[in-house]
Protein backbone atom coordinates (compact mmCIF):
# COMPACT_ATOMS: atom_id res chain seq x y z
CA UNK A 1 -46.02 38.64 29.32
CA UNK A 2 -43.11 38.54 26.75
CA UNK A 3 -43.21 39.76 23.15
CA UNK A 4 -40.98 38.88 20.11
CA UNK A 5 -41.19 40.35 16.74
CA UNK A 6 -39.73 38.91 13.50
CA UNK A 7 -39.17 40.22 9.85
CA UNK A 8 -40.51 37.58 7.68
CA UNK A 9 -40.15 37.36 3.96
CA UNK A 10 -42.41 35.68 1.45
CA UNK A 11 -45.81 36.49 2.91
CA UNK A 12 -48.24 37.92 0.55
CA UNK A 13 -51.89 36.89 1.43
CA UNK A 14 -54.33 35.74 4.16
CA UNK A 15 -53.33 32.21 3.52
CA UNK A 16 -49.82 33.00 4.45
CA UNK A 17 -51.29 34.77 7.72
CA UNK A 18 -53.19 31.71 8.41
CA UNK A 19 -50.19 29.26 7.83
CA UNK A 20 -47.88 31.29 9.98
CA UNK A 21 -50.49 31.76 12.71
CA UNK A 22 -51.20 28.16 12.86
CA UNK A 23 -47.53 27.00 13.08
CA UNK A 24 -46.37 29.57 15.62
CA UNK A 25 -49.65 29.02 17.77
CA UNK A 26 -48.40 25.44 18.39
CA UNK A 27 -45.29 26.50 20.08
CA UNK A 28 -45.51 26.12 23.87
CA UNK A 29 -46.05 29.38 25.62
CA UNK A 30 -47.62 31.41 22.74
CA UNK A 31 -50.79 33.13 23.54
CA UNK A 32 -51.11 35.37 20.52
CA UNK A 33 -49.79 35.80 17.09
CA UNK A 34 -50.21 38.97 15.04
CA UNK A 35 -49.13 38.99 11.36
CA UNK A 36 -48.73 42.21 9.53
CA UNK A 37 -48.51 41.68 5.76
CA UNK A 38 -47.94 45.39 5.10
CA UNK A 39 -45.01 45.38 7.41
CA UNK A 40 -43.80 41.79 6.84
CA UNK A 41 -43.79 41.21 10.45
CA UNK A 42 -44.86 38.44 12.83
CA UNK A 43 -45.29 39.50 16.65
CA UNK A 44 -45.64 36.75 19.19
CA UNK A 45 -46.95 37.18 22.63
CA UNK A 46 -46.73 34.67 25.46
CA UNK A 47 -44.75 33.31 28.32
CA UNK A 48 -41.16 31.65 28.19
CA UNK A 49 -41.01 32.09 24.45
CA UNK A 50 -38.31 30.02 22.77
CA UNK A 51 -36.77 32.12 19.96
CA UNK A 52 -35.29 28.98 18.14
CA UNK A 53 -38.72 27.23 18.20
CA UNK A 54 -40.57 30.34 17.09
CA UNK A 55 -38.07 30.63 14.17
CA UNK A 56 -38.47 27.05 13.20
CA UNK A 57 -42.29 27.38 13.23
CA UNK A 58 -42.11 30.22 10.74
CA UNK A 59 -39.76 28.28 8.59
CA UNK A 60 -42.07 25.25 8.76
CA UNK A 61 -44.96 27.36 7.51
CA UNK A 62 -42.75 28.09 4.46
CA UNK A 63 -41.34 31.57 5.07
CA UNK A 64 -38.05 33.03 5.90
CA UNK A 65 -37.23 34.85 9.02
CA UNK A 66 -35.07 37.80 8.05
CA UNK A 67 -34.22 39.08 11.67
CA UNK A 68 -35.46 39.46 15.10
CA UNK A 69 -36.67 42.98 15.57
CA UNK A 70 -37.47 43.11 19.25
CA UNK A 71 -37.28 40.80 22.21
């Protein structure tokens, strides 16, 4: 199982968590999405994770990907 973590700006509440989780969960291969508001990170677990599609899903939810923290 692969893991990718992103710094994401603009998240501030549980609605933000739900929006990001919903969009990222729709990306093929994603099995789990963990959003940490305090750390402003989104951690994605799954197989054959496509970095570009994950970033696009976060942007689609209305947030900015600051950087990829870990691959």
